[in-house]
Each structure stands twice: as structure tokens, then as C-alpha cells.
Amino acid sequence: MQHRKSRSDSFKMDAVRRLMARGSKTIAEKSKELGVSFSLLYRWRERFESELTRGVPLCANVA
């Protein structure tokens, strides 16, 4: 049986920042880079997007 990895909130928020950054990579490419499913990225975005868009620059430290 495969165990699920637990990710920290800081990892999730960084992943959402990357997702929100308008780059040339698709959601599928970003999810593969991060090692998570794209549906999980969408759930994290729903959870953290409002927190991240409160006056914080989204492109800061995003690769």
C-alpha cells in the first residue's frame, strides 16, 4: 500500500504561487515538477488563493 505524503502549508502556498504565476508552463507541467496531481493543486488554490492575493506580490521568488 502506498502512503500519502503530507506537505507543509508553506509548500502548498509556494505551489499555489507557482500556479498563479502566468508563465508558459501548463498546470500539468507544474504539477509534475512538484510531484503532485493537478487536482490537488486546484484544491490548494481554492484554500490559499484569497490569502495570497491580499496585497502580496505573486511573482516574488517564483521560478
C-alpha atoms as a PDB file:
ATOM      1  CA  MET A   1       0.000   0.000   0.000  1.00  0.00           C
ATOM      2  CA  GLN A   2       1.257   3.441  -0.901  1.00  0.00           C
ATOM      3  CA  HIS A   3       1.276   6.134   1.787  1.00  0.00           C
ATOM      4  CA  ARG A   4       0.269   9.693   1.015  1.00  0.00           C
ATOM      5  CA  LYS A   5       2.844  12.403   1.541  1.00  0.00           C
ATOM      6  CA  SER A   6       1.957  15.191   3.897  1.00  0.00           C
ATOM      7  CA  ARG A   7       3.002  18.608   2.592  1.00  0.00           C
ATOM      8  CA  SER A   8       3.524  21.675   4.764  1.00  0.00           C
ATOM      9  CA  ASP A   9       1.359  24.758   4.309  1.00  0.00           C
ATOM     10  CA  SER A  10       4.418  26.674   3.121  1.00  0.00           C
ATOM     11  CA  PHE A  11       4.984  24.084   0.367  1.00  0.00           C
ATOM     12  CA  LYS A  12       1.316  24.318  -0.618  1.00  0.00           C
ATOM     13  CA  MET A  13       1.362  28.112  -0.674  1.00  0.00           C
ATOM     14  CA  ASP A  14       4.511  28.119  -2.792  1.00  0.00           C
ATOM     15  CA  ALA A  15       2.869  25.665  -5.184  1.00  0.00           C
ATOM     16  CA  VAL A  16      -0.173  27.954  -5.448  1.00  0.00           C
ATOM     17  CA  ARG A  17       2.091  30.952  -6.122  1.00  0.00           C
ATOM     18  CA  ARG A  18       3.682  28.997  -8.962  1.00  0.00           C
ATOM     19  CA  LEU A  19       0.264  28.026 -10.252  1.00  0.00           C
ATOM     20  CA  MET A  20      -0.956  31.624 -10.174  1.00  0.00           C
ATOM     21  CA  ALA A  21       2.148  32.997 -11.879  1.00  0.00           C
ATOM     22  CA  ARG A  22       1.305  33.442 -15.527  1.00  0.00           C
ATOM     23  CA  GLY A  23       4.102  31.550 -17.217  1.00  0.00           C
ATOM     24  CA  SER A  24       4.449  29.341 -20.235  1.00  0.00           C
ATOM     25  CA  LYS A  25       4.058  26.081 -18.312  1.00  0.00           C
ATOM     26  CA  THR A  26       0.767  24.223 -18.143  1.00  0.00           C
ATOM     27  CA  ILE A  27      -0.884  23.056 -14.936  1.00  0.00           C
ATOM     28  CA  ALA A  28       0.125  19.502 -15.827  1.00  0.00           C
ATOM     29  CA  GLU A  29       3.779  20.529 -16.208  1.00  0.00           C
ATOM     30  CA  LYS A  30       3.767  22.408 -12.901  1.00  0.00           C
ATOM     31  CA  SER A  31       2.106  19.517 -11.079  1.00  0.00           C
ATOM     32  CA  LYS A  32       4.680  17.081 -12.488  1.00  0.00           C
ATOM     33  CA  GLU A  33       7.535  19.362 -11.341  1.00  0.00           C
ATOM     34  CA  LEU A  34       6.086  19.498  -7.837  1.00  0.00           C
ATOM     35  CA  GLY A  35       5.219  15.804  -7.699  1.00  0.00           C
ATOM     36  CA  VAL A  36       1.507  16.334  -7.003  1.00  0.00           C
ATOM     37  CA  SER A  37      -1.655  15.867  -9.038  1.00  0.00           C
ATOM     38  CA  PHE A  38      -3.150  18.832 -10.824  1.00  0.00           C
ATOM     39  CA  SER A  39      -6.450  18.301  -8.968  1.00  0.00           C
ATOM     40  CA  LEU A  40      -4.562  18.691  -5.695  1.00  0.00           C
ATOM     41  CA  LEU A  41      -3.075  21.961  -6.937  1.00  0.00           C
ATOM     42  CA  TYR A  42      -6.586  23.222  -7.679  1.00  0.00           C
ATOM     43  CA  ARG A  43      -7.743  22.292  -4.165  1.00  0.00           C
ATOM     44  CA  TRP A  44      -4.765  24.079  -2.635  1.00  0.00           C
ATOM     45  CA  ARG A  45      -5.519  27.109  -4.808  1.00  0.00           C
ATOM     46  CA  GLU A  46      -9.103  27.182  -3.505  1.00  0.00           C
ATOM     47  CA  ARG A  47      -7.761  27.059   0.042  1.00  0.00           C
ATOM     48  CA  PHE A  48      -4.916  29.624  -0.216  1.00  0.00           C
ATOM     49  CA  GLU A  49      -5.689  31.951  -3.141  1.00  0.00           C
ATOM     50  CA  SER A  50      -7.514  34.635  -1.153  1.00  0.00           C
ATOM     51  CA  GLU A  51      -4.760  34.653   1.461  1.00  0.00           C
ATOM     52  CA  LEU A  52      -2.060  35.009  -1.188  1.00  0.00           C
ATOM     53  CA  THR A  53      -3.750  37.776  -3.161  1.00  0.00           C
ATOM     54  CA  ARG A  54      -4.080  40.208  -0.241  1.00  0.00           C
ATOM     55  CA  GLY A  55      -1.513  42.698  -1.478  1.00  0.00           C
ATOM     56  CA  VAL A  56       1.330  40.206  -1.703  1.00  0.00           C
ATOM     57  CA  PRO A  57       3.274  40.227  -4.984  1.00  0.00           C
ATOM     58  CA  LEU A  58       2.578  36.900  -6.661  1.00  0.00           C
ATOM     59  CA  CYS A  59       5.764  36.783  -8.725  1.00  0.00           C
ATOM     60  CA  ALA A  60       8.186  37.181  -5.814  1.00  0.00           C
ATOM     61  CA  ASN A  61      10.655  34.298  -5.719  1.00  0.00           C
ATOM     62  CA  VAL A  62       8.729  32.207  -8.237  1.00  0.00           C
ATOM     63  CA  ALA A  63      10.809  30.153 -10.618  1.00  0.00           C
END
